[in-house]
Structure formats: C-alpha cells, structure tokens
Amino acid sequence: MSKSGFNIPDKVIYVCTGSKCKKKGGKENGKLLRDRIKEAGLKGKVEVVKTECTDRCDFAPVMCFQPDNYWMHHVTEEQAERAFQEHVILRKNAPQATSDE
C-alpha cells in the first residue's frame, strides 16, 4: 500500500446492485466475488465495487471486469465464478503488454 493509504487495485469488478439487479442476484454475485478474492489472497489487488445502477435493467444482473472491459448480463453465480477464474485468476500471471510494442 502506498504511504498515503490510497490503494489502487490492479483489477476492479463492478457489480450492479440497483433494484432489479439486486433482486435478480447482483447482491449474491458481489458476495461470491468478494469471497473468491479473499480466498485467492488478492485483497487490495482486486476490488469489487457495487454500483447503484448501470441503466441496463432489462439485462439484470449486470457486472463488468476492468481493465478488461468485459461486460456480462443475466449473470448467474456459476457465470460469475467462471468469469472470475478467467479474468482474474488466469490473467494474474499473464504477461503484461508494454508501451514499447
């Protein structure tokens, strides 16, 4: 963590918890992802941010993995788990592109 205490995570997962998303599983998806982050020892490196509404209510629940810009809709817990594995765990050790390329 930096001296100022302001930690910038490597990855952020935005989980909509607006009224429709929350009712259709958004809250549970967020909890699942926070649990997976803790289990993987990635606290501080990966963060779940609850958003109030993404204005995509017809597609609830909605979530997004950044910096991959990977959006998901009608997300089940199983899909959230798979996306976490793909966009966080498997990419954690992937080589990073450099600006020289």
PDB file of N, CA and C in Angstrom:
ATOM      1  N   MET A   1       0.844  -1.176   0.000  1.00  0.00           N
ATOM      2  CA  MET A   1       0.000   0.000   0.000  1.00  0.00           C
ATOM      3  C   MET A   1       0.889   1.239   0.000  1.00  0.00           C
ATOM      4  N   SER A   2       0.423   2.270  -0.650  1.00  0.00           N
ATOM      5  CA  SER A   2       1.213   3.489  -0.713  1.00  0.00           C
ATOM      6  C   SER A   2       1.252   4.182   0.647  1.00  0.00           C
ATOM      7  N   LYS A   3       2.164   5.116   0.795  1.00  0.00           N
ATOM      8  CA  LYS A   3       2.303   5.830   2.058  1.00  0.00           C
ATOM      9  C   LYS A   3       1.045   6.613   2.398  1.00  0.00           C
ATOM     10  N   SER A   4       0.341   7.076   1.380  1.00  0.00           N
ATOM     11  CA  SER A   4      -0.855   7.881   1.634  1.00  0.00           C
ATOM     12  C   SER A   4      -2.036   7.023   2.073  1.00  0.00           C
ATOM     13  N   GLY A   5      -1.921   5.694   1.910  1.00  0.00           N
ATOM     14  CA  GLY A   5      -3.021   4.812   2.284  1.00  0.00           C
ATOM     15  C   GLY A   5      -4.059   4.654   1.192  1.00  0.00           C
ATOM     16  N   PHE A   6      -3.866   5.336   0.062  1.00  0.00           N
ATOM     17  CA  PHE A   6      -4.807   5.247  -1.049  1.00  0.00           C
ATOM     18  C   PHE A   6      -4.336   4.150  -1.998  1.00  0.00           C
ATOM     19  N   ASN A   7      -4.971   2.988  -1.899  1.00  0.00           N
ATOM     20  CA  ASN A   7      -4.568   1.822  -2.680  1.00  0.00           C
ATOM     21  C   ASN A   7      -5.328   1.791  -4.008  1.00  0.00           C
ATOM     22  N   ILE A   8      -4.622   1.581  -5.092  1.00  0.00           N
ATOM     23  CA  ILE A   8      -5.248   1.450  -6.405  1.00  0.00           C
ATOM     24  C   ILE A   8      -5.131  -0.017  -6.803  1.00  0.00           C
ATOM     25  N   PRO A   9      -6.268  -0.718  -6.926  1.00  0.00           N
ATOM     26  CA  PRO A   9      -6.224  -2.142  -7.263  1.00  0.00           C
ATOM     27  C   PRO A   9      -5.807  -2.358  -8.717  1.00  0.00           C
ATOM     28  N   ASP A  10      -5.284  -3.552  -8.995  1.00  0.00           N
ATOM     29  CA  ASP A  10      -4.926  -3.919 -10.365  1.00  0.00           C
ATOM     30  C   ASP A  10      -6.167  -4.164 -11.205  1.00  0.00           C
ATOM     31  N   LYS A  11      -7.192  -4.712 -10.585  1.00  0.00           N
ATOM     32  CA  LYS A  11      -8.428  -5.040 -11.283  1.00  0.00           C
ATOM     33  C   LYS A  11      -9.615  -4.620 -10.436  1.00  0.00           C
ATOM     34  N   VAL A  12     -10.699  -4.238 -11.116  1.00  0.00           N
ATOM     35  CA  VAL A  12     -11.925  -3.858 -10.435  1.00  0.00           C
ATOM     36  C   VAL A  12     -13.079  -4.592 -11.098  1.00  0.00           C
ATOM     37  N   ILE A  13     -13.944  -5.140 -10.271  1.00  0.00           N
ATOM     38  CA  ILE A  13     -15.154  -5.794 -10.767  1.00  0.00           C
ATOM     39  C   ILE A  13     -16.329  -4.953 -10.294  1.00  0.00           C
ATOM     40  N   TYR A  14     -17.046  -4.367 -11.253  1.00  0.00           N
ATOM     41  CA  TYR A  14     -18.220  -3.569 -10.931  1.00  0.00           C
ATOM     42  C   TYR A  14     -19.438  -4.474 -10.963  1.00  0.00           C
ATOM     43  N   VAL A  15     -20.169  -4.487  -9.866  1.00  0.00           N
ATOM     44  CA  VAL A  15     -21.371  -5.310  -9.750  1.00  0.00           C
ATOM     45  C   VAL A  15     -22.549  -4.377  -9.499  1.00  0.00           C
ATOM     46  N   CYS A  16     -23.511  -4.398 -10.407  1.00  0.00           N
ATOM     47  CA  CYS A  16     -24.679  -3.552 -10.238  1.00  0.00           C
ATOM     48  C   CYS A  16     -25.537  -4.108  -9.112  1.00  0.00           C
ATOM     49  N   THR A  17     -25.893  -3.219  -8.191  1.00  0.00           N
ATOM     50  CA  THR A  17     -26.798  -3.597  -7.106  1.00  0.00           C
ATOM     51  C   THR A  17     -27.999  -2.656  -7.077  1.00  0.00           C
ATOM     52  N   GLY A  18     -28.344  -2.131  -8.257  1.00  0.00           N
ATOM     53  CA  GLY A  18     -29.578  -1.369  -8.366  1.00  0.00           C
ATOM     54  C   GLY A  18     -30.745  -2.307  -8.081  1.00  0.00           C
ATOM     55  N   SER A  19     -31.948  -1.784  -7.986  1.00  0.00           N
ATOM     56  CA  SER A  19     -33.077  -2.587  -7.508  1.00  0.00           C
ATOM     57  C   SER A  19     -33.309  -3.868  -8.305  1.00  0.00           C
ATOM     58  N   LYS A  20     -33.316  -3.800  -9.632  1.00  0.00           N
ATOM     59  CA  LYS A  20     -33.565  -5.019 -10.417  1.00  0.00           C
ATOM     60  C   LYS A  20     -32.399  -5.991 -10.335  1.00  0.00           C
ATOM     61  N   CYS A  21     -31.186  -5.481 -10.472  1.00  0.00           N
ATOM     62  CA  CYS A  21     -30.015  -6.355 -10.401  1.00  0.00           C
ATOM     63  C   CYS A  21     -29.910  -7.020  -9.031  1.00  0.00           C
ATOM     64  N   LYS A  22     -30.183  -6.247  -8.000  1.00  0.00           N
ATOM     65  CA  LYS A  22     -30.110  -6.782  -6.635  1.00  0.00           C
ATOM     66  C   LYS A  22     -31.105  -7.924  -6.455  1.00  0.00           C
ATOM     67  N   LYS A  23     -32.335  -7.731  -6.944  1.00  0.00           N
ATOM     68  CA  LYS A  23     -33.375  -8.755  -6.819  1.00  0.00           C
ATOM     69  C   LYS A  23     -33.058 -10.006  -7.630  1.00  0.00           C
ATOM     70  N   LYS A  24     -32.305  -9.839  -8.723  1.00  0.00           N
ATOM     71  CA  LYS A  24     -32.046 -10.967  -9.621  1.00  0.00           C
ATOM     72  C   LYS A  24     -30.678 -11.613  -9.398  1.00  0.00           C
ATOM     73  N   GLY A  25     -30.016 -11.276  -8.290  1.00  0.00           N
ATOM     74  CA  GLY A  25     -28.772 -11.968  -7.956  1.00  0.00           C
ATOM     75  C   GLY A  25     -27.530 -11.119  -7.887  1.00  0.00           C
ATOM     76  N   GLY A  26     -27.619  -9.831  -8.145  1.00  0.00           N
ATOM     77  CA  GLY A  26     -26.444  -8.967  -8.107  1.00  0.00           C
ATOM     78  C   GLY A  26     -25.767  -8.947  -6.743  1.00  0.00           C
ATOM     79  N   LYS A  27     -26.558  -8.898  -5.694  1.00  0.00           N
ATOM     80  CA  LYS A  27     -26.000  -8.868  -4.334  1.00  0.00           C
ATOM     81  C   LYS A  27     -25.231 -10.156  -4.045  1.00  0.00           C
ATOM     82  N   GLU A  28     -25.810 -11.298  -4.411  1.00  0.00           N
ATOM     83  CA  GLU A  28     -25.148 -12.590  -4.193  1.00  0.00           C
ATOM     84  C   GLU A  28     -23.881 -12.711  -5.039  1.00  0.00           C
ATOM     85  N   ASN A  29     -23.922 -12.205  -6.280  1.00  0.00           N
ATOM     86  CA  ASN A  29     -22.727 -12.243  -7.129  1.00  0.00           C
ATOM     87  C   ASN A  29     -21.593 -11.440  -6.503  1.00  0.00           C
ATOM     88  N   GLY A  30     -21.914 -10.278  -5.966  1.00  0.00           N
ATOM     89  CA  GLY A  30     -20.895  -9.455  -5.316  1.00  0.00           C
ATOM     90  C   GLY A  30     -20.280 -10.152  -4.117  1.00  0.00           C
ATOM     91  N   LYS A  31     -21.111 -10.778  -3.307  1.00  0.00           N
ATOM     92  CA  LYS A  31     -20.606 -11.510  -2.140  1.00  0.00           C
ATOM     93  C   LYS A  31     -19.715 -12.671  -2.570  1.00  0.00           C
ATOM     94  N   LEU A  32     -20.155 -13.417  -3.576  1.00  0.00           N
ATOM     95  CA  LEU A  32     -19.358 -14.531  -4.097  1.00  0.00           C
ATOM     96  C   LEU A  32     -17.981 -14.047  -4.543  1.00  0.00           C
ATOM     97  N   LEU A  33     -17.941 -12.961  -5.294  1.00  0.00           N
ATOM     98  CA  LEU A  33     -16.670 -12.451  -5.801  1.00  0.00           C
ATOM     99  C   LEU A  33     -15.776 -11.942  -4.679  1.00  0.00           C
ATOM    100  N   ARG A  34     -16.353 -11.272  -3.681  1.00  0.00           N
ATOM    101  CA  ARG A  34     -15.538 -10.828  -2.538  1.00  0.00           C
ATOM    102  C   ARG A  34     -14.952 -12.022  -1.805  1.00  0.00           C
ATOM    103  N   ASP A  35     -15.739 -13.090  -1.669  1.00  0.00           N
ATOM    104  CA  ASP A  35     -15.233 -14.308  -1.031  1.00  0.00           C
ATOM    105  C   ASP A  35     -14.083 -14.910  -1.839  1.00  0.00           C
ATOM    106  N   ARG A  36     -14.228 -14.954  -3.159  1.00  0.00           N
ATOM    107  CA  ARG A  36     -13.176 -15.530  -4.016  1.00  0.00           C
ATOM    108  C   ARG A  36     -11.896 -14.702  -3.954  1.00  0.00           C
ATOM    109  N   ILE A  37     -12.039 -13.392  -3.906  1.00  0.00           N
ATOM    110  CA  ILE A  37     -10.873 -12.516  -3.798  1.00  0.00           C
ATOM    111  C   ILE A  37     -10.128 -12.809  -2.502  1.00  0.00           C
ATOM    112  N   LYS A  38     -10.856 -12.929  -1.413  1.00  0.00           N
ATOM    113  CA  LYS A  38     -10.247 -13.220  -0.111  1.00  0.00           C
ATOM    114  C   LYS A  38      -9.561 -14.583  -0.133  1.00  0.00           C
ATOM    115  N   GLU A  39     -10.253 -15.605  -0.658  1.00  0.00           N
ATOM    116  CA  GLU A  39      -9.695 -16.959  -0.720  1.00  0.00           C
ATOM    117  C   GLU A  39      -8.422 -17.015  -1.553  1.00  0.00           C
ATOM    118  N   ALA A  40      -8.364 -16.206  -2.623  1.00  0.00           N
ATOM    119  CA  ALA A  40      -7.206 -16.209  -3.511  1.00  0.00           C
ATOM    120  C   ALA A  40      -6.075 -15.325  -2.998  1.00  0.00           C
ATOM    121  N   GLY A  41      -6.286 -14.658  -1.866  1.00  0.00           N
ATOM    122  CA  GLY A  41      -5.251 -13.784  -1.314  1.00  0.00           C
ATOM    123  C   GLY A  41      -5.030 -12.540  -2.156  1.00  0.00           C
ATOM    124  N   LEU A  42      -6.071 -12.058  -2.804  1.00  0.00           N
ATOM    125  CA  LEU A  42      -5.941 -10.915  -3.708  1.00  0.00           C
ATOM    126  C   LEU A  42      -6.544  -9.630  -3.159  1.00  0.00           C
ATOM    127  N   LYS A  43      -6.846  -9.616  -1.866  1.00  0.00           N
ATOM    128  CA  LYS A  43      -7.415  -8.417  -1.262  1.00  0.00           C
ATOM    129  C   LYS A  43      -6.427  -7.265  -1.425  1.00  0.00           C
ATOM    130  N   GLY A  44      -6.919  -6.149  -1.919  1.00  0.00           N
ATOM    131  CA  GLY A  44      -6.068  -4.993  -2.190  1.00  0.00           C
ATOM    132  C   GLY A  44      -5.595  -4.954  -3.629  1.00  0.00           C
ATOM    133  N   LYS A  45      -5.583  -6.105  -4.296  1.00  0.00           N
ATOM    134  CA  LYS A  45      -5.172  -6.167  -5.705  1.00  0.00           C
ATOM    135  C   LYS A  45      -6.373  -6.228  -6.633  1.00  0.00           C
ATOM    136  N   VAL A  46      -7.448  -6.831  -6.143  1.00  0.00           N
ATOM    137  CA  VAL A  46      -8.701  -6.922  -6.892  1.00  0.00           C
ATOM    138  C   VAL A  46      -9.800  -6.416  -5.968  1.00  0.00           C
ATOM    139  N   GLU A  47     -10.672  -5.592  -6.510  1.00  0.00           N
ATOM    140  CA  GLU A  47     -11.708  -4.998  -5.682  1.00  0.00           C
ATOM    141  C   GLU A  47     -13.071  -5.132  -6.354  1.00  0.00           C
ATOM    142  N   VAL A  48     -14.091  -5.390  -5.560  1.00  0.00           N
ATOM    143  CA  VAL A  48     -15.469  -5.397  -6.046  1.00  0.00           C
ATOM    144  C   VAL A  48     -16.082  -4.062  -5.658  1.00  0.00           C
ATOM    145  N   VAL A  49     -16.639  -3.383  -6.653  1.00  0.00           N
ATOM    146  CA  VAL A  49     -17.308  -2.108  -6.414  1.00  0.00           C
ATOM    147  C   VAL A  49     -18.779  -2.285  -6.756  1.00  0.00           C
ATOM    148  N   LYS A  50     -19.633  -2.019  -5.770  1.00  0.00           N
ATOM    149  CA  LYS A  50     -21.069  -2.080  -6.003  1.00  0.00           C
ATOM    150  C   LYS A  50     -21.487  -0.769  -6.658  1.00  0.00           C
ATOM    151  N   THR A  51     -22.191  -0.876  -7.786  1.00  0.00           N
ATOM    152  CA  THR A  51     -22.706   0.316  -8.440  1.00  0.00           C
ATOM    153  C   THR A  51     -24.197   0.399  -8.174  1.00  0.00           C
ATOM    154  N   GLU A  52     -24.695   1.584  -8.056  1.00  0.00           N
ATOM    155  CA  GLU A  52     -26.110   1.769  -7.759  1.00  0.00           C
ATOM    156  C   GLU A  52     -26.973   1.341  -8.945  1.00  0.00           C
ATOM    157  N   CYS A  53     -26.620   1.735 -10.168  1.00  0.00           N
ATOM    158  CA  CYS A  53     -27.386   1.339 -11.351  1.00  0.00           C
ATOM    159  C   CYS A  53     -26.538   1.582 -12.594  1.00  0.00           C
ATOM    160  N   THR A  54     -26.534   0.619 -13.492  1.00  0.00           N
ATOM    161  CA  THR A  54     -25.814   0.778 -14.757  1.00  0.00           C
ATOM    162  C   THR A  54     -26.751   1.147 -15.895  1.00  0.00           C
ATOM    163  N   ASP A  55     -28.020   1.318 -15.592  1.00  0.00           N
ATOM    164  CA  ASP A  55     -29.053   1.669 -16.567  1.00  0.00           C
ATOM    165  C   ASP A  55     -29.209   0.583 -17.637  1.00  0.00           C
ATOM    166  N   ARG A  56     -29.040  -0.657 -17.220  1.00  0.00           N
ATOM    167  CA  ARG A  56     -29.211  -1.815 -18.098  1.00  0.00           C
ATOM    168  C   ARG A  56     -30.158  -2.814 -17.427  1.00  0.00           C
ATOM    169  N   CYS A  57     -31.220  -2.295 -16.864  1.00  0.00           N
ATOM    170  CA  CYS A  57     -32.131  -3.075 -16.020  1.00  0.00           C
ATOM    171  C   CYS A  57     -32.747  -4.277 -16.733  1.00  0.00           C
ATOM    172  N   ASP A  58     -32.961  -4.180 -18.048  1.00  0.00           N
ATOM    173  CA  ASP A  58     -33.530  -5.303 -18.790  1.00  0.00           C
ATOM    174  C   ASP A  58     -32.588  -6.491 -18.845  1.00  0.00           C
ATOM    175  N   PHE A  59     -31.333  -6.293 -18.483  1.00  0.00           N
ATOM    176  CA  PHE A  59     -30.313  -7.341 -18.571  1.00  0.00           C
ATOM    177  C   PHE A  59     -29.822  -7.797 -17.201  1.00  0.00           C
ATOM    178  N   ALA A  60     -30.554  -7.469 -16.170  1.00  0.00           N
ATOM    179  CA  ALA A  60     -30.147  -7.739 -14.786  1.00  0.00           C
ATOM    180  C   ALA A  60     -29.969  -9.228 -14.507  1.00  0.00           C
ATOM    181  N   PRO A  61     -28.977  -9.548 -13.657  1.00  0.00           N
ATOM    182  CA  PRO A  61     -27.965  -8.686 -13.076  1.00  0.00           C
ATOM    183  C   PRO A  61     -26.778  -8.489 -14.023  1.00  0.00           C
ATOM    184  N   VAL A  62     -26.166  -7.320 -13.903  1.00  0.00           N
ATOM    185  CA  VAL A  62     -25.077  -6.896 -14.787  1.00  0.00           C
ATOM    186  C   VAL A  62     -23.807  -6.735 -13.961  1.00  0.00           C
ATOM    187  N   MET A  63     -22.676  -7.076 -14.581  1.00  0.00           N
ATOM    188  CA  MET A  63     -21.381  -6.833 -13.945  1.00  0.00           C
ATOM    189  C   MET A  63     -20.322  -6.592 -15.010  1.00  0.00           C
ATOM    190  N   CYS A  64     -19.204  -6.007 -14.607  1.00  0.00           N
ATOM    191  CA  CYS A  64     -18.143  -5.638 -15.544  1.00  0.00           C
ATOM    192  C   CYS A  64     -16.777  -5.835 -14.895  1.00  0.00           C
ATOM    193  N   PHE A  65     -15.874  -6.458 -15.633  1.00  0.00           N
ATOM    194  CA  PHE A  65     -14.493  -6.659 -15.177  1.00  0.00           C
ATOM    195  C   PHE A  65     -13.601  -5.628 -15.855  1.00  0.00           C
ATOM    196  N   GLN A  66     -12.887  -4.854 -15.048  1.00  0.00           N
ATOM    197  CA  GLN A  66     -11.948  -3.867 -15.577  1.00  0.00           C
ATOM    198  C   GLN A  66     -10.546  -4.212 -15.095  1.00  0.00           C
ATOM    199  N   PRO A  67      -9.510  -4.038 -15.851  1.00  0.00           N
ATOM    200  CA  PRO A  67      -9.431  -3.220 -17.054  1.00  0.00           C
ATOM    201  C   PRO A  67      -9.789  -3.949 -18.343  1.00  0.00           C
ATOM    202  N   ASP A  68     -10.313  -5.170 -18.275  1.00  0.00           N
ATOM    203  CA  ASP A  68     -10.625  -5.934 -19.485  1.00  0.00           C
ATOM    204  C   ASP A  68     -11.813  -5.377 -20.264  1.00  0.00           C
ATOM    205  N   ASN A  69     -12.621  -4.527 -19.637  1.00  0.00           N
ATOM    206  CA  ASN A  69     -13.844  -4.006 -20.226  1.00  0.00           C
ATOM    207  C   ASN A  69     -14.756  -5.147 -20.673  1.00  0.00           C
ATOM    208  N   TYR A  70     -14.846  -6.169 -19.828  1.00  0.00           N
ATOM    209  CA  TYR A  70     -15.656  -7.355 -20.097  1.00  0.00           C
ATOM    210  C   TYR A  70     -16.974  -7.217 -19.347  1.00  0.00           C
ATOM    211  N   TRP A  71     -18.054  -6.990 -20.085  1.00  0.00           N
ATOM    212  CA  TRP A  71     -19.385  -6.817 -19.520  1.00  0.00           C
ATOM    213  C   TRP A  71     -20.159  -8.111 -19.592  1.00  0.00           C
ATOM    214  N   MET A  72     -20.958  -8.357 -18.569  1.00  0.00           N
ATOM    215  CA  MET A  72     -21.796  -9.561 -18.518  1.00  0.00           C
ATOM    216  C   MET A  72     -23.213  -9.162 -18.144  1.00  0.00           C
ATOM    217  N   HIS A  73     -24.189  -9.913 -18.656  1.00  0.00           N
ATOM    218  CA  HIS A  73     -25.582  -9.656 -18.310  1.00  0.00           C
ATOM    219  C   HIS A  73     -26.275 -10.961 -17.981  1.00  0.00           C
ATOM    220  N   HIS A  74     -27.386 -10.865 -17.251  1.00  0.00           N
ATOM    221  CA  HIS A  74     -28.131 -12.035 -16.782  1.00  0.00           C
ATOM    222  C   HIS A  74     -27.184 -13.019 -16.085  1.00  0.00           C
ATOM    223  N   VAL A  75     -26.301 -12.496 -15.252  1.00  0.00           N
ATOM    224  CA  VAL A  75     -25.204 -13.277 -14.673  1.00  0.00           C
ATOM    225  C   VAL A  75     -25.679 -14.177 -13.532  1.00  0.00           C
ATOM    226  N   THR A  76     -25.419 -15.466 -13.686  1.00  0.00           N
ATOM    227  CA  THR A  76     -25.663 -16.424 -12.618  1.00  0.00           C
ATOM    228  C   THR A  76     -24.398 -16.512 -11.755  1.00  0.00           C
ATOM    229  N   GLU A  77     -24.514 -17.122 -10.583  1.00  0.00           N
ATOM    230  CA  GLU A  77     -23.330 -17.292  -9.736  1.00  0.00           C
ATOM    231  C   GLU A  77     -22.280 -18.149 -10.435  1.00  0.00           C
ATOM    232  N   GLU A  78     -22.713 -19.149 -11.184  1.00  0.00           N
ATOM    233  CA  GLU A  78     -21.770 -20.009 -11.909  1.00  0.00           C
ATOM    234  C   GLU A  78     -21.017 -19.204 -12.968  1.00  0.00           C
ATOM    235  N   GLN A  79     -21.719 -18.317 -13.664  1.00  0.00           N
ATOM    236  CA  GLN A  79     -21.061 -17.483 -14.672  1.00  0.00           C
ATOM    237  C   GLN A  79     -20.103 -16.492 -14.022  1.00  0.00           C
ATOM    238  N   ALA A  80     -20.495 -15.947 -12.885  1.00  0.00           N
ATOM    239  CA  ALA A  80     -19.617 -15.025 -12.158  1.00  0.00           C
ATOM    240  C   ALA A  80     -18.342 -15.742 -11.726  1.00  0.00           C
ATOM    241  N   GLU A  81     -18.491 -16.968 -11.259  1.00  0.00           N
ATOM    242  CA  GLU A  81     -17.336 -17.779 -10.847  1.00  0.00           C
ATOM    243  C   GLU A  81     -16.396 -18.027 -12.026  1.00  0.00           C
ATOM    244  N   ARG A  82     -16.940 -18.421 -13.168  1.00  0.00           N
ATOM    245  CA  ARG A  82     -16.118 -18.671 -14.364  1.00  0.00           C
ATOM    246  C   ARG A  82     -15.410 -17.408 -14.829  1.00  0.00           C
ATOM    247  N   ALA A  83     -16.126 -16.290 -14.831  1.00  0.00           N
ATOM    248  CA  ALA A  83     -15.526 -15.024 -15.265  1.00  0.00           C
ATOM    249  C   ALA A  83     -14.401 -14.616 -14.318  1.00  0.00           C
ATOM    250  N   PHE A  84     -14.584 -14.836 -13.023  1.00  0.00           N
ATOM    251  CA  PHE A  84     -13.538 -14.523 -12.055  1.00  0.00           C
ATOM    252  C   PHE A  84     -12.292 -15.352 -12.356  1.00  0.00           C
ATOM    253  N   GLN A  85     -12.483 -16.639 -12.595  1.00  0.00           N
ATOM    254  CA  GLN A  85     -11.345 -17.503 -12.930  1.00  0.00           C
ATOM    255  C   GLN A  85     -10.634 -17.005 -14.189  1.00  0.00           C
ATOM    256  N   GLU A  86     -11.418 -16.684 -15.207  1.00  0.00           N
ATOM    257  CA  GLU A  86     -10.831 -16.270 -16.489  1.00  0.00           C
ATOM    258  C   GLU A  86     -10.184 -14.890 -16.437  1.00  0.00           C
ATOM    259  N   HIS A  87     -10.866 -13.913 -15.857  1.00  0.00           N
ATOM    260  CA  HIS A  87     -10.405 -12.524 -15.928  1.00  0.00           C
ATOM    261  C   HIS A  87      -9.553 -12.089 -14.750  1.00  0.00           C
ATOM    262  N   VAL A  88      -9.509 -12.895 -13.696  1.00  0.00           N
ATOM    263  CA  VAL A  88      -8.681 -12.530 -12.544  1.00  0.00           C
ATOM    264  C   VAL A  88      -7.602 -13.578 -12.301  1.00  0.00           C
ATOM    265  N   ILE A  89      -7.998 -14.799 -12.036  1.00  0.00           N
ATOM    266  CA  ILE A  89      -7.026 -15.830 -11.662  1.00  0.00           C
ATOM    267  C   ILE A  89      -6.102 -16.177 -12.827  1.00  0.00           C
ATOM    268  N   LEU A  90      -6.649 -16.502 -13.978  1.00  0.00           N
ATOM    269  CA  LEU A  90      -5.814 -16.911 -15.109  1.00  0.00           C
ATOM    270  C   LEU A  90      -4.995 -15.758 -15.682  1.00  0.00           C
ATOM    271  N   ARG A  91      -5.494 -14.545 -15.585  1.00  0.00           N
ATOM    272  CA  ARG A  91      -4.767 -13.385 -16.131  1.00  0.00           C
ATOM    273  C   ARG A  91      -3.811 -12.775 -15.131  1.00  0.00           C
ATOM    274  N   LYS A  92      -3.865 -13.230 -13.890  1.00  0.00           N
ATOM    275  CA  LYS A  92      -2.995 -12.682 -12.844  1.00  0.00           C
ATOM    276  C   LYS A  92      -1.526 -12.894 -13.202  1.00  0.00           C
ATOM    277  N   ASN A  93      -1.219 -14.018 -13.812  1.00  0.00           N
ATOM    278  CA  ASN A  93       0.162 -14.322 -14.170  1.00  0.00           C
ATOM    279  C   ASN A  93       0.455 -14.138 -15.647  1.00  0.00           C
ATOM    280  N   ALA A  94      -0.518 -13.628 -16.402  1.00  0.00           N
ATOM    281  CA  ALA A  94      -0.311 -13.421 -17.839  1.00  0.00           C
ATOM    282  C   ALA A  94       0.669 -12.266 -18.043  1.00  0.00           C
ATOM    283  N   PRO A  95       1.486 -12.368 -19.089  1.00  0.00           N
ATOM    284  CA  PRO A  95       2.429 -11.276 -19.366  1.00  0.00           C
ATOM    285  C   PRO A  95       1.654  -9.992 -19.708  1.00  0.00           C
ATOM    286  N   GLN A  96       2.153  -8.883 -19.224  1.00  0.00           N
ATOM    287  CA  GLN A  96       1.521  -7.596 -19.476  1.00  0.00           C
ATOM    288  C   GLN A  96       2.143  -6.955 -20.724  1.00  0.00           C
ATOM    289  N   ALA A  97       1.316  -6.320 -21.540  1.00  0.00           N
ATOM    290  CA  ALA A  97       1.809  -5.610 -22.711  1.00  0.00           C
ATOM    291  C   ALA A  97       2.584  -4.387 -22.245  1.00  0.00           C
ATOM    292  N   THR A  98       3.596  -4.021 -22.998  1.00  0.00           N
ATOM    293  CA  THR A  98       4.352  -2.821 -22.664  1.00  0.00           C
ATOM    294  C   THR A  98       4.085  -1.749 -23.698  1.00  0.00           C
ATOM    295  N   SER A  99       4.408  -0.534 -23.393  1.00  0.00           N
ATOM    296  CA  SER A  99       4.169   0.578 -24.310  1.00  0.00           C
ATOM    297  C   SER A  99       5.149   0.557 -25.470  1.00  0.00           C
ATOM    298  N   ASP A 100       6.187  -0.265 -25.414  1.00  0.00           N
ATOM    299  CA  ASP A 100       7.177  -0.333 -26.495  1.00  0.00           C
ATOM    300  C   ASP A 100       6.710  -1.179 -27.664  1.00  0.00           C
ATOM    301  N   GLU A 101       5.597  -1.906 -27.493  1.00  0.00           N
ATOM    302  CA  GLU A 101       5.151  -2.810 -28.554  1.00  0.00           C
ATOM    303  C   GLU A 101       4.447  -2.056 -29.650  1.00  0.00           C
TER     304      GLU A 101
END
